[in-house]
Protein backbone atom coordinates (compact mmCIF):
# COMPACT_ATOMS: atom_id res chain seq x y z
CA MET A 1 -21.23 141.34 -57.83
CA PHE A 2 -18.45 140.29 -55.42
CA ASP A 3 -19.19 142.83 -52.67
CA ASP A 4 -20.41 140.24 -50.15
CA MET A 5 -18.05 137.39 -51.05
CA SER A 6 -15.28 137.86 -48.51
CA SER A 7 -15.14 134.10 -47.82
CA GLN A 8 -14.57 133.22 -51.50
CA ALA A 9 -11.11 131.63 -51.84
CA PHE A 10 -10.95 130.37 -55.44
CA ILE A 11 -12.35 131.69 -58.72
CA HIS A 12 -11.90 130.18 -62.16
CA PHE A 13 -13.52 132.08 -65.02
CA ALA A 14 -13.03 130.70 -68.51
CA VAL A 15 -14.43 130.90 -72.03
CA PHE A 16 -16.50 134.06 -71.77
CA ILE A 17 -15.59 134.94 -75.33
CA PRO A 18 -17.74 138.08 -75.93
CA MET A 19 -17.28 139.61 -72.44
CA LYS A 20 -15.56 143.02 -72.56
CA ARG A 21 -15.43 143.85 -68.83
CA LEU A 22 -15.36 141.97 -65.52
CA PRO A 23 -17.04 143.27 -62.37
CA SER A 24 -14.93 144.85 -59.65
CA PHE A 25 -13.01 142.47 -57.40
CA ILE A 26 -13.85 144.57 -54.32
CA GLY A 27 -15.15 142.24 -51.65
CA LEU A 28 -12.90 139.30 -52.56
CA THR A 29 -10.61 140.03 -49.62
CA ASN A 30 -9.77 136.37 -48.92
CA LEU A 31 -9.29 135.24 -52.50
CA LYS A 32 -6.26 132.95 -52.81
CA SER A 33 -6.48 131.82 -56.45
CA LEU A 34 -7.79 133.64 -59.51
CA THR A 35 -7.80 132.09 -62.98
CA LEU A 36 -8.97 134.12 -65.97
CA ALA A 37 -8.82 132.23 -69.26
CA LEU A 38 -10.04 132.70 -72.81
CA PHE A 39 -11.70 136.09 -72.80
CA LEU A 40 -11.17 137.08 -76.44
CA SER A 41 -12.92 140.46 -76.13
CA LEU A 42 -11.87 141.48 -72.61
CA ASP A 43 -9.93 144.72 -72.92
CA GLU A 44 -9.39 145.59 -69.26
CA LEU A 45 -8.92 143.79 -65.95
CA PRO A 46 -10.40 145.24 -62.75
CA ALA A 47 -8.10 146.71 -60.12
CA LEU A 48 -6.51 144.14 -57.83
CA ASP A 49 -6.50 146.44 -54.79
CA SER A 50 -8.53 144.16 -52.49
CA LEU A 51 -6.70 140.92 -53.39
CA HIS A 52 -3.90 141.17 -50.79
CA ARG A 53 -4.15 137.45 -49.93
CA LEU A 54 -3.89 136.27 -53.51
CA GLU A 55 -1.38 133.42 -53.85
CA LYS A 56 -1.98 132.40 -57.48
CA LEU A 57 -2.91 134.51 -60.49
CA LEU A 58 -3.28 132.92 -63.93
CA VAL A 59 -4.17 135.09 -66.92
CA THR A 60 -4.27 133.37 -70.31
CA CYS A 61 -5.74 133.80 -73.78
CA MET A 62 -6.70 137.46 -73.51
CA PRO A 63 -5.56 138.87 -76.85
CA SER A 64 -7.44 142.18 -76.49
CA LEU A 65 -5.81 143.08 -73.18
CA ASN A 66 -3.67 146.17 -73.83
CA THR A 67 -2.67 146.92 -70.24
CA LEU A 68 -2.58 145.27 -66.84
CA PRO A 69 -3.87 146.68 -63.58
CA ASP A 70 -1.23 147.69 -61.05
CA LEU A 71 0.24 144.47 -59.64
CA ALA A 72 1.53 146.16 -56.45
CA PRO A 73 -1.44 144.93 -54.34
CA VAL A 74 -0.53 141.31 -55.21
CA LYS A 75 3.25 141.71 -54.98
CA ASN A 76 3.51 138.73 -52.63
CA VAL A 77 1.76 136.34 -55.02
CA LYS A 78 3.52 132.96 -55.07
CA SER A 79 2.47 131.95 -58.58
CA LEU A 80 2.00 134.47 -61.38
CA ILE A 81 1.35 132.91 -64.78
CA MET A 82 0.56 134.91 -67.91
CA LEU A 83 0.28 132.80 -71.03
CA ASP A 84 -0.58 133.25 -74.67
CA ARG A 85 -1.10 136.64 -76.11
CA GLY A 86 -1.93 139.90 -74.47
CA THR A 87 -0.77 142.91 -76.44
CA TRP A 88 0.41 144.53 -73.19
CA CYS A 89 3.65 142.55 -73.52
CA CYS A 90 4.78 144.36 -76.67
CA ASN A 91 2.61 147.46 -77.33
CA GLY A 92 4.67 149.79 -75.13
CA PHE A 93 2.87 149.16 -71.83
CA LEU A 94 6.05 147.58 -70.41
CA GLY A 95 8.34 150.14 -72.04
CA GLN A 96 9.41 149.98 -75.68
CA CYS A 97 6.75 149.18 -78.29
CA ASN A 98 7.83 146.25 -80.47
CA LEU A 99 5.13 145.32 -82.98
CA ASP A 100 7.48 142.77 -84.57
CA HIS A 101 7.12 140.63 -81.45
CA PRO A 102 5.09 137.46 -82.24
CA MET A 103 2.62 138.27 -79.46
CA CYS A 104 1.57 141.44 -81.30
CA GLN A 105 0.75 139.82 -84.64
CA VAL A 106 -2.66 138.56 -85.75
CA HIS A 107 -3.37 135.67 -83.39
CA PRO A 108 -2.86 132.43 -85.35
CA LEU A 109 -5.75 130.60 -83.68
CA TRP A 110 -8.29 133.26 -82.67
CA GLY A 111 -7.66 135.66 -85.56
CA THR A 112 -7.70 138.70 -83.29
CA PRO A 113 -6.12 141.74 -84.93
CA ALA A 114 -2.50 142.76 -84.64
CA ALA A 115 -1.63 145.15 -81.82
CA THR A 116 -0.88 148.82 -82.17
CA CYS A 117 1.49 150.90 -80.04
CA LEU A 118 -0.06 152.70 -77.09
CA SER A 119 -0.24 156.48 -77.28
CA SER A 120 1.81 158.62 -74.93
CA ASN A 121 -1.39 159.33 -72.92
CA ASP A 122 -2.18 155.65 -72.29
CA PRO A 123 -1.30 154.16 -68.89
CA LYS A 124 2.08 152.48 -68.53
CA ALA A 125 3.18 149.78 -66.09
CA THR A 126 4.07 150.81 -62.56
CA PRO A 127 7.51 149.75 -61.24
CA GLU A 128 5.92 146.89 -59.26
CA THR A 129 4.01 145.72 -62.33
CA LEU A 130 7.22 145.81 -64.37
CA ASN A 131 9.00 143.79 -61.71
CA LEU A 132 6.32 141.10 -61.39
CA SER A 133 5.50 140.83 -65.09
CA GLY A 134 9.18 140.49 -65.90
CA LYS A 135 9.32 137.37 -63.73
CA CYS A 136 6.61 135.62 -65.72
CA LEU A 137 7.58 136.62 -69.27
CA HIS A 138 9.91 134.42 -71.23
């Protein structure tokens, strides 16, 4: 979908509630700002490998997101904002699984189910992803 969109600089996708997958970001080589908000069923983000010029990344209200793509390609991002619940913050993706964390409970507004711990075979955060995600988590 984005293969021939190298001049695209800003994308804001919001309220695609039933969408489970996004198309590849390949082709968005000049993207500076990416906002992804309120995807209640989205369970995976595409790789960020072609987004080297990204300056702002906002990911919010994605309660079914168990992992993040490697953030190394966007390590120079100036604004990284991850709000509301994504089970990746407490299901073991970032290290220790902590299902007592409020972000892993049934979502109080959307009613999405409580998280479960990742299995030992599931992908874990890369060192760069740990570094960047640690800067945006409170």
